[in-house]
Amino acid sequence: MLNCRQVARLVSQSMDARLAWHQRLAMRFHLLYCVWCRRYAAQIHFLRKATKNLSGDQPDASAPKLSPEAKDHLSKRLQEALSKPPSSQS
């Protein structure tokens, strides 16, 4: 059984590459009962989608346009957040 720290690492890894079937299964099982990890995974997915929209990879006409200063600020805050290890509730 995976703990929260392991699930946080797998959530991040799943953004870049497909996980092995047993890792996906173990992660999904953990996410069924752990509200904190579900929230973390949802936040990571949201941030990934938001950064794709900001970088112009997936243009979205309904997305609000940000100033270069706001984009720079968000980018710096994201880098700060990614450089810190995830906190664990387990």
PDB file of N, CA and C in Angstrom:
ATOM      1  N   MET A   1       0.856  -1.169   0.000  1.00  0.00           N
ATOM      2  CA  MET A   1       0.000   0.000   0.000  1.00  0.00           C
ATOM      3  C   MET A   1       0.908   1.241   0.000  1.00  0.00           C
ATOM      4  N   LEU A   2       0.547   2.207  -0.835  1.00  0.00           N
ATOM      5  CA  LEU A   2       1.336   3.418  -0.964  1.00  0.00           C
ATOM      6  C   LEU A   2       0.970   4.429   0.116  1.00  0.00           C
ATOM      7  N   ASN A   3       1.960   5.234   0.524  1.00  0.00           N
ATOM      8  CA  ASN A   3       1.664   6.335   1.429  1.00  0.00           C
ATOM      9  C   ASN A   3       1.517   7.617   0.610  1.00  0.00           C
ATOM     10  N   CYS A   4       1.155   8.705   1.276  1.00  0.00           N
ATOM     11  CA  CYS A   4       0.878   9.962   0.579  1.00  0.00           C
ATOM     12  C   CYS A   4       2.099  10.489  -0.172  1.00  0.00           C
ATOM     13  N   ARG A   5       3.258  10.377   0.408  1.00  0.00           N
ATOM     14  CA  ARG A   5       4.474  10.860  -0.254  1.00  0.00           C
ATOM     15  C   ARG A   5       4.719  10.109  -1.558  1.00  0.00           C
ATOM     16  N   GLN A   6       4.536   8.806  -1.546  1.00  0.00           N
ATOM     17  CA  GLN A   6       4.722   8.009  -2.759  1.00  0.00           C
ATOM     18  C   GLN A   6       3.682   8.368  -3.817  1.00  0.00           C
ATOM     19  N   VAL A   7       2.456   8.597  -3.394  1.00  0.00           N
ATOM     20  CA  VAL A   7       1.396   8.964  -4.338  1.00  0.00           C
ATOM     21  C   VAL A   7       1.683  10.326  -4.947  1.00  0.00           C
ATOM     22  N   ALA A   8       2.144  11.283  -4.147  1.00  0.00           N
ATOM     23  CA  ALA A   8       2.481  12.605  -4.679  1.00  0.00           C
ATOM     24  C   ALA A   8       3.562  12.482  -5.757  1.00  0.00           C
ATOM     25  N   ARG A   9       4.547  11.641  -5.524  1.00  0.00           N
ATOM     26  CA  ARG A   9       5.611  11.434  -6.513  1.00  0.00           C
ATOM     27  C   ARG A   9       5.045  10.796  -7.785  1.00  0.00           C
ATOM     28  N   LEU A  10       4.162   9.818  -7.621  1.00  0.00           N
ATOM     29  CA  LEU A  10       3.567   9.154  -8.784  1.00  0.00           C
ATOM     30  C   LEU A  10       2.657  10.088  -9.575  1.00  0.00           C
ATOM     31  N   VAL A  11       1.919  10.947  -8.880  1.00  0.00           N
ATOM     32  CA  VAL A  11       1.068  11.919  -9.572  1.00  0.00           C
ATOM     33  C   VAL A  11       1.939  12.805 -10.459  1.00  0.00           C
ATOM     34  N   SER A  12       3.051  13.267  -9.909  1.00  0.00           N
ATOM     35  CA  SER A  12       3.959  14.111 -10.691  1.00  0.00           C
ATOM     36  C   SER A  12       4.560  13.346 -11.868  1.00  0.00           C
ATOM     37  N   GLN A  13       4.976  12.120 -11.621  1.00  0.00           N
ATOM     38  CA  GLN A  13       5.561  11.308 -12.691  1.00  0.00           C
ATOM     39  C   GLN A  13       4.540  11.012 -13.789  1.00  0.00           C
ATOM     40  N   SER A  14       3.291  10.862 -13.407  1.00  0.00           N
ATOM     41  CA  SER A  14       2.272  10.530 -14.397  1.00  0.00           C
ATOM     42  C   SER A  14       2.017  11.684 -15.361  1.00  0.00           C
ATOM     43  N   MET A  15       2.444  12.877 -14.999  1.00  0.00           N
ATOM     44  CA  MET A  15       2.295  14.026 -15.896  1.00  0.00           C
ATOM     45  C   MET A  15       3.271  13.938 -17.070  1.00  0.00           C
ATOM     46  N   ASP A  16       4.395  13.258 -16.866  1.00  0.00           N
ATOM     47  CA  ASP A  16       5.444  13.207 -17.882  1.00  0.00           C
ATOM     48  C   ASP A  16       5.497  11.891 -18.640  1.00  0.00           C
ATOM     49  N   ALA A  17       5.066  10.814 -18.006  1.00  0.00           N
ATOM     50  CA  ALA A  17       5.161   9.505 -18.653  1.00  0.00           C
ATOM     51  C   ALA A  17       4.059   8.594 -18.126  1.00  0.00           C
ATOM     52  N   ARG A  18       3.739   7.592 -18.906  1.00  0.00           N
ATOM     53  CA  ARG A  18       2.716   6.627 -18.489  1.00  0.00           C
ATOM     54  C   ARG A  18       3.321   5.720 -17.421  1.00  0.00           C
ATOM     55  N   LEU A  19       2.598   5.557 -16.334  1.00  0.00           N
ATOM     56  CA  LEU A  19       3.051   4.692 -15.254  1.00  0.00           C
ATOM     57  C   LEU A  19       2.747   3.232 -15.588  1.00  0.00           C
ATOM     58  N   ALA A  20       3.456   2.351 -14.926  1.00  0.00           N
ATOM     59  CA  ALA A  20       3.173   0.921 -15.064  1.00  0.00           C
ATOM     60  C   ALA A  20       1.781   0.645 -14.505  1.00  0.00           C
ATOM     61  N   TRP A  21       1.160  -0.409 -14.988  1.00  0.00           N
ATOM     62  CA  TRP A  21      -0.223  -0.687 -14.592  1.00  0.00           C
ATOM     63  C   TRP A  21      -0.366  -0.847 -13.091  1.00  0.00           C
ATOM     64  N   HIS A  22       0.614  -1.484 -12.433  1.00  0.00           N
ATOM     65  CA  HIS A  22       0.499  -1.701 -10.992  1.00  0.00           C
ATOM     66  C   HIS A  22       0.665  -0.386 -10.217  1.00  0.00           C
ATOM     67  N   GLN A  23       1.450   0.554 -10.759  1.00  0.00           N
ATOM     68  CA  GLN A  23       1.575   1.865 -10.120  1.00  0.00           C
ATOM     69  C   GLN A  23       0.279   2.657 -10.261  1.00  0.00           C
ATOM     70  N   ARG A  24      -0.308   2.619 -11.456  1.00  0.00           N
ATOM     71  CA  ARG A  24      -1.584   3.316 -11.668  1.00  0.00           C
ATOM     72  C   ARG A  24      -2.676   2.749 -10.759  1.00  0.00           C
ATOM     73  N   LEU A  25      -2.734   1.425 -10.647  1.00  0.00           N
ATOM     74  CA  LEU A  25      -3.733   0.780  -9.814  1.00  0.00           C
ATOM     75  C   LEU A  25      -3.545   1.155  -8.337  1.00  0.00           C
ATOM     76  N   ALA A  26      -2.311   1.086  -7.857  1.00  0.00           N
ATOM     77  CA  ALA A  26      -2.036   1.421  -6.457  1.00  0.00           C
ATOM     78  C   ALA A  26      -2.344   2.891  -6.185  1.00  0.00           C
ATOM     79  N   MET A  27      -1.995   3.768  -7.127  1.00  0.00           N
ATOM     80  CA  MET A  27      -2.256   5.191  -6.953  1.00  0.00           C
ATOM     81  C   MET A  27      -3.770   5.444  -6.923  1.00  0.00           C
ATOM     82  N   ARG A  28      -4.503   4.853  -7.830  1.00  0.00           N
ATOM     83  CA  ARG A  28      -5.960   5.061  -7.868  1.00  0.00           C
ATOM     84  C   ARG A  28      -6.638   4.519  -6.622  1.00  0.00           C
ATOM     85  N   PHE A  29      -6.172   3.389  -6.125  1.00  0.00           N
ATOM     86  CA  PHE A  29      -6.729   2.850  -4.890  1.00  0.00           C
ATOM     87  C   PHE A  29      -6.503   3.823  -3.733  1.00  0.00           C
ATOM     88  N   HIS A  30      -5.302   4.365  -3.640  1.00  0.00           N
ATOM     89  CA  HIS A  30      -5.000   5.339  -2.583  1.00  0.00           C
ATOM     90  C   HIS A  30      -5.877   6.576  -2.726  1.00  0.00           C
ATOM     91  N   LEU A  31      -6.066   7.034  -3.959  1.00  0.00           N
ATOM     92  CA  LEU A  31      -6.874   8.235  -4.192  1.00  0.00           C
ATOM     93  C   LEU A  31      -8.348   8.014  -3.840  1.00  0.00           C
ATOM     94  N   LEU A  32      -8.798   6.770  -3.816  1.00  0.00           N
ATOM     95  CA  LEU A  32     -10.184   6.489  -3.435  1.00  0.00           C
ATOM     96  C   LEU A  32     -10.473   6.875  -1.990  1.00  0.00           C
ATOM     97  N   TYR A  33      -9.495   6.679  -1.112  1.00  0.00           N
ATOM     98  CA  TYR A  33      -9.758   6.936   0.300  1.00  0.00           C
ATOM     99  C   TYR A  33      -9.008   8.137   0.879  1.00  0.00           C
ATOM    100  N   CYS A  34      -8.110   8.740   0.153  1.00  0.00           N
ATOM    101  CA  CYS A  34      -7.321   9.851   0.691  1.00  0.00           C
ATOM    102  C   CYS A  34      -7.744  11.174   0.049  1.00  0.00           C
ATOM    103  N   VAL A  35      -8.509  11.954   0.776  1.00  0.00           N
ATOM    104  CA  VAL A  35      -9.002  13.229   0.252  1.00  0.00           C
ATOM    105  C   VAL A  35      -7.851  14.203   0.005  1.00  0.00           C
ATOM    106  N   TRP A  36      -6.804  14.135   0.809  1.00  0.00           N
ATOM    107  CA  TRP A  36      -5.684  15.068   0.658  1.00  0.00           C
ATOM    108  C   TRP A  36      -4.935  14.812  -0.650  1.00  0.00           C
ATOM    109  N   CYS A  37      -4.721  13.577  -0.978  1.00  0.00           N
ATOM    110  CA  CYS A  37      -4.027  13.255  -2.224  1.00  0.00           C
ATOM    111  C   CYS A  37      -4.909  13.535  -3.437  1.00  0.00           C
ATOM    112  N   ARG A  38      -6.226  13.323  -3.295  1.00  0.00           N
ATOM    113  CA  ARG A  38      -7.137  13.674  -4.395  1.00  0.00           C
ATOM    114  C   ARG A  38      -7.062  15.171  -4.660  1.00  0.00           C
ATOM    115  N   ARG A  39      -7.044  15.960  -3.603  1.00  0.00           N
ATOM    116  CA  ARG A  39      -6.942  17.415  -3.775  1.00  0.00           C
ATOM    117  C   ARG A  39      -5.606  17.791  -4.414  1.00  0.00           C
ATOM    118  N   TYR A  40      -4.542  17.157  -3.955  1.00  0.00           N
ATOM    119  CA  TYR A  40      -3.220  17.429  -4.525  1.00  0.00           C
ATOM    120  C   TYR A  40      -3.203  17.096  -6.017  1.00  0.00           C
ATOM    121  N   ALA A  41      -3.730  15.939  -6.377  1.00  0.00           N
ATOM    122  CA  ALA A  41      -3.753  15.532  -7.783  1.00  0.00           C
ATOM    123  C   ALA A  41      -4.580  16.500  -8.618  1.00  0.00           C
ATOM    124  N   ALA A  42      -5.713  16.937  -8.084  1.00  0.00           N
ATOM    125  CA  ALA A  42      -6.552  17.895  -8.814  1.00  0.00           C
ATOM    126  C   ALA A  42      -5.821  19.220  -9.002  1.00  0.00           C
ATOM    127  N   GLN A  43      -5.102  19.665  -7.982  1.00  0.00           N
ATOM    128  CA  GLN A  43      -4.350  20.915  -8.082  1.00  0.00           C
ATOM    129  C   GLN A  43      -3.224  20.805  -9.108  1.00  0.00           C
ATOM    130  N   ILE A  44      -2.529  19.685  -9.106  1.00  0.00           N
ATOM    131  CA  ILE A  44      -1.442  19.479 -10.074  1.00  0.00           C
ATOM    132  C   ILE A  44      -2.001  19.465 -11.492  1.00  0.00           C
ATOM    133  N   HIS A  45      -3.124  18.794 -11.698  1.00  0.00           N
ATOM    134  CA  HIS A  45      -3.737  18.760 -13.033  1.00  0.00           C
ATOM    135  C   HIS A  45      -4.167  20.164 -13.454  1.00  0.00           C
ATOM    136  N   PHE A  46      -4.763  20.908 -12.512  1.00  0.00           N
ATOM    137  CA  PHE A  46      -5.176  22.276 -12.804  1.00  0.00           C
ATOM    138  C   PHE A  46      -3.977  23.155 -13.184  1.00  0.00           C
ATOM    139  N   LEU A  47      -2.888  23.060 -12.415  1.00  0.00           N
ATOM    140  CA  LEU A  47      -1.693  23.863 -12.704  1.00  0.00           C
ATOM    141  C   LEU A  47      -1.093  23.503 -14.060  1.00  0.00           C
ATOM    142  N   ARG A  48      -1.080  22.221 -14.378  1.00  0.00           N
ATOM    143  CA  ARG A  48      -0.533  21.811 -15.676  1.00  0.00           C
ATOM    144  C   ARG A  48      -1.365  22.389 -16.821  1.00  0.00           C
ATOM    145  N   LYS A  49      -2.694  22.312 -16.677  1.00  0.00           N
ATOM    146  CA  LYS A  49      -3.570  22.858 -17.711  1.00  0.00           C
ATOM    147  C   LYS A  49      -3.396  24.374 -17.812  1.00  0.00           C
ATOM    148  N   ALA A  50      -3.305  25.044 -16.674  1.00  0.00           N
ATOM    149  CA  ALA A  50      -3.149  26.502 -16.664  1.00  0.00           C
ATOM    150  C   ALA A  50      -1.826  26.919 -17.291  1.00  0.00           C
ATOM    151  N   THR A  51      -0.758  26.215 -16.991  1.00  0.00           N
ATOM    152  CA  THR A  51       0.534  26.588 -17.572  1.00  0.00           C
ATOM    153  C   THR A  51       0.582  26.312 -19.067  1.00  0.00           C
ATOM    154  N   LYS A  52      -0.111  25.268 -19.518  1.00  0.00           N
ATOM    155  CA  LYS A  52      -0.174  25.025 -20.957  1.00  0.00           C
ATOM    156  C   LYS A  52      -0.892  26.174 -21.654  1.00  0.00           C
ATOM    157  N   ASN A  53      -1.978  26.659 -21.032  1.00  0.00           N
ATOM    158  CA  ASN A  53      -2.699  27.787 -21.607  1.00  0.00           C
ATOM    159  C   ASN A  53      -1.849  29.046 -21.609  1.00  0.00           C
ATOM    160  N   LEU A  54      -1.062  29.242 -20.560  1.00  0.00           N
ATOM    161  CA  LEU A  54      -0.209  30.430 -20.479  1.00  0.00           C
ATOM    162  C   LEU A  54       0.918  30.392 -21.501  1.00  0.00           C
ATOM    163  N   SER A  55       1.445  29.196 -21.745  1.00  0.00           N
ATOM    164  CA  SER A  55       2.571  29.097 -22.661  1.00  0.00           C
ATOM    165  C   SER A  55       2.136  29.113 -24.119  1.00  0.00           C
ATOM    166  N   GLY A  56       0.839  28.989 -24.346  1.00  0.00           N
ATOM    167  CA  GLY A  56       0.350  29.038 -25.715  1.00  0.00           C
ATOM    168  C   GLY A  56       0.338  27.696 -26.404  1.00  0.00           C
ATOM    169  N   ASP A  57       0.603  26.611 -25.665  1.00  0.00           N
ATOM    170  CA  ASP A  57       0.584  25.278 -26.270  1.00  0.00           C
ATOM    171  C   ASP A  57      -0.811  24.909 -26.757  1.00  0.00           C
ATOM    172  N   GLN A  58      -1.816  25.300 -26.003  1.00  0.00           N
ATOM    173  CA  GLN A  58      -3.191  25.017 -26.372  1.00  0.00           C
ATOM    174  C   GLN A  58      -3.980  26.322 -26.307  1.00  0.00           C
ATOM    175  N   PRO A  59      -4.037  27.056 -27.392  1.00  0.00           N
ATOM    176  CA  PRO A  59      -4.752  28.325 -27.336  1.00  0.00           C
ATOM    177  C   PRO A  59      -6.223  28.126 -27.012  1.00  0.00           C
ATOM    178  N   ASP A  60      -6.718  28.992 -26.149  1.00  0.00           N
ATOM    179  CA  ASP A  60      -8.111  28.933 -25.723  1.00  0.00           C
ATOM    180  C   ASP A  60      -8.669  30.348 -25.797  1.00  0.00           C
ATOM    181  N   ALA A  61      -9.601  30.580 -26.702  1.00  0.00           N
ATOM    182  CA  ALA A  61     -10.130  31.928 -26.915  1.00  0.00           C
ATOM    183  C   ALA A  61     -10.875  32.452 -25.694  1.00  0.00           C
ATOM    184  N   SER A  62     -11.430  31.548 -24.873  1.00  0.00           N
ATOM    185  CA  SER A  62     -12.181  31.998 -23.706  1.00  0.00           C
ATOM    186  C   SER A  62     -11.288  32.278 -22.507  1.00  0.00           C
ATOM    187  N   ALA A  63     -10.023  31.907 -22.572  1.00  0.00           N
ATOM    188  CA  ALA A  63      -9.120  32.128 -21.439  1.00  0.00           C
ATOM    189  C   ALA A  63      -8.772  33.608 -21.326  1.00  0.00           C
ATOM    190  N   PRO A  64      -8.749  34.125 -20.094  1.00  0.00           N
ATOM    191  CA  PRO A  64      -8.379  35.532 -19.917  1.00  0.00           C
ATOM    192  C   PRO A  64      -6.910  35.736 -20.267  1.00  0.00           C
ATOM    193  N   LYS A  65      -6.610  36.905 -20.803  1.00  0.00           N
ATOM    194  CA  LYS A  65      -5.237  37.233 -21.183  1.00  0.00           C
ATOM    195  C   LYS A  65      -4.535  37.863 -19.991  1.00  0.00           C
ATOM    196  N   LEU A  66      -3.335  37.408 -19.700  1.00  0.00           N
ATOM    197  CA  LEU A  66      -2.554  37.930 -18.590  1.00  0.00           C
ATOM    198  C   LEU A  66      -1.443  38.827 -19.109  1.00  0.00           C
ATOM    199  N   SER A  67      -1.111  39.807 -18.301  1.00  0.00           N
ATOM    200  CA  SER A  67      -0.004  40.691 -18.644  1.00  0.00           C
ATOM    201  C   SER A  67       1.305  39.921 -18.493  1.00  0.00           C
ATOM    202  N   PRO A  68       2.365  40.389 -19.149  1.00  0.00           N
ATOM    203  CA  PRO A  68       3.668  39.720 -18.990  1.00  0.00           C
ATOM    204  C   PRO A  68       4.125  39.695 -17.525  1.00  0.00           C
ATOM    205  N   GLU A  69       3.797  40.736 -16.774  1.00  0.00           N
ATOM    206  CA  GLU A  69       4.178  40.778 -15.360  1.00  0.00           C
ATOM    207  C   GLU A  69       3.457  39.686 -14.570  1.00  0.00           C
ATOM    208  N   ALA A  70       2.164  39.503 -14.854  1.00  0.00           N
ATOM    209  CA  ALA A  70       1.390  38.474 -14.163  1.00  0.00           C
ATOM    210  C   ALA A  70       1.903  37.079 -14.526  1.00  0.00           C
ATOM    211  N   LYS A  71       2.228  36.874 -15.791  1.00  0.00           N
ATOM    212  CA  LYS A  71       2.778  35.586 -16.211  1.00  0.00           C
ATOM    213  C   LYS A  71       4.103  35.315 -15.513  1.00  0.00           C
ATOM    214  N   ASP A  72       4.947  36.332 -15.422  1.00  0.00           N
ATOM    215  CA  ASP A  72       6.240  36.189 -14.759  1.00  0.00           C
ATOM    216  C   ASP A  72       6.042  35.850 -13.283  1.00  0.00           C
ATOM    217  N   HIS A  73       5.112  36.544 -12.636  1.00  0.00           N
ATOM    218  CA  HIS A  73       4.835  36.293 -11.221  1.00  0.00           C
ATOM    219  C   HIS A  73       4.346  34.859 -11.011  1.00  0.00           C
ATOM    220  N   LEU A  74       3.397  34.404 -11.835  1.00  0.00           N
ATOM    221  CA  LEU A  74       2.887  33.041 -11.725  1.00  0.00           C
ATOM    222  C   LEU A  74       3.984  32.006 -11.979  1.00  0.00           C
ATOM    223  N   SER A  75       4.822  32.290 -12.945  1.00  0.00           N
ATOM    224  CA  SER A  75       5.911  31.370 -13.261  1.00  0.00           C
ATOM    225  C   SER A  75       6.874  31.239 -12.089  1.00  0.00           C
ATOM    226  N   LYS A  76       7.213  32.356 -11.462  1.00  0.00           N
ATOM    227  CA  LYS A  76       8.118  32.324 -10.305  1.00  0.00           C
ATOM    228  C   LYS A  76       7.492  31.560  -9.148  1.00  0.00           C
ATOM    229  N   ARG A  77       6.212  31.799  -8.877  1.00  0.00           N
ATOM    230  CA  ARG A  77       5.536  31.117  -7.772  1.00  0.00           C
ATOM    231  C   ARG A  77       5.435  29.613  -8.035  1.00  0.00           C
ATOM    232  N   LEU A  78       5.192  29.248  -9.284  1.00  0.00           N
ATOM    233  CA  LEU A  78       5.119  27.835  -9.637  1.00  0.00           C
ATOM    234  C   LEU A  78       6.471  27.164  -9.433  1.00  0.00           C
ATOM    235  N   GLN A  79       7.530  27.817  -9.854  1.00  0.00           N
ATOM    236  CA  GLN A  79       8.870  27.262  -9.662  1.00  0.00           C
ATOM    237  C   GLN A  79       9.191  27.103  -8.177  1.00  0.00           C
ATOM    238  N   GLU A  80       8.794  28.079  -7.357  1.00  0.00           N
ATOM    239  CA  GLU A  80       9.005  27.978  -5.913  1.00  0.00           C
ATOM    240  C   GLU A  80       8.250  26.776  -5.346  1.00  0.00           C
ATOM    241  N   ALA A  81       7.016  26.617  -5.785  1.00  0.00           N
ATOM    242  CA  ALA A  81       6.196  25.513  -5.282  1.00  0.00           C
ATOM    243  C   ALA A  81       6.762  24.167  -5.715  1.00  0.00           C
ATOM    244  N   LEU A  82       7.262  24.089  -6.933  1.00  0.00           N
ATOM    245  CA  LEU A  82       7.805  22.824  -7.427  1.00  0.00           C
ATOM    246  C   LEU A  82       9.136  22.472  -6.795  1.00  0.00           C
ATOM    247  N   SER A  83       9.852  23.470  -6.303  1.00  0.00           N
ATOM    248  CA  SER A  83      11.149  23.192  -5.701  1.00  0.00           C
ATOM    249  C   SER A  83      11.026  22.691  -4.269  1.00  0.00           C
ATOM    250  N   LYS A  84       9.849  22.836  -3.660  1.00  0.00           N
ATOM    251  CA  LYS A  84       9.621  22.346  -2.293  1.00  0.00           C
ATOM    252  C   LYS A  84       9.082  20.942  -2.364  1.00  0.00           C
ATOM    253  N   PRO A  85       9.530  20.064  -1.429  1.00  0.00           N
ATOM    254  CA  PRO A  85       8.969  18.709  -1.421  1.00  0.00           C
ATOM    255  C   PRO A  85       7.519  18.740  -0.966  1.00  0.00           C
ATOM    256  N   PRO A  86       6.684  17.833  -1.496  1.00  0.00           N
ATOM    257  CA  PRO A  86       5.268  17.815  -1.103  1.00  0.00           C
ATOM    258  C   PRO A  86       5.133  17.420   0.358  1.00  0.00           C
ATOM    259  N   SER A  87       4.198  18.043   1.056  1.00  0.00           N
ATOM    260  CA  SER A  87       3.946  17.660   2.443  1.00  0.00           C
ATOM    261  C   SER A  87       3.087  16.417   2.440  1.00  0.00           C
ATOM    262  N   SER A  88       3.291  15.591   3.437  1.00  0.00           N
ATOM    263  CA  SER A  88       2.575  14.324   3.506  1.00  0.00           C
ATOM    264  C   SER A  88       1.641  14.308   4.699  1.00  0.00           C
ATOM    265  N   GLN A  89       0.468  13.756   4.491  1.00  0.00           N
ATOM    266  CA  GLN A  89      -0.507  13.624   5.563  1.00  0.00           C
ATOM    267  C   GLN A  89      -0.434  12.253   6.203  1.00  0.00           C
ATOM    268  N   SER A  90       0.399  11.362   5.655  1.00  0.00           N
ATOM    269  CA  SER A  90       0.512   9.997   6.213  1.00  0.00           C
ATOM    270  C   SER A  90       1.714   9.900   7.103  1.00  0.00           C
TER     271      SER A  90
END
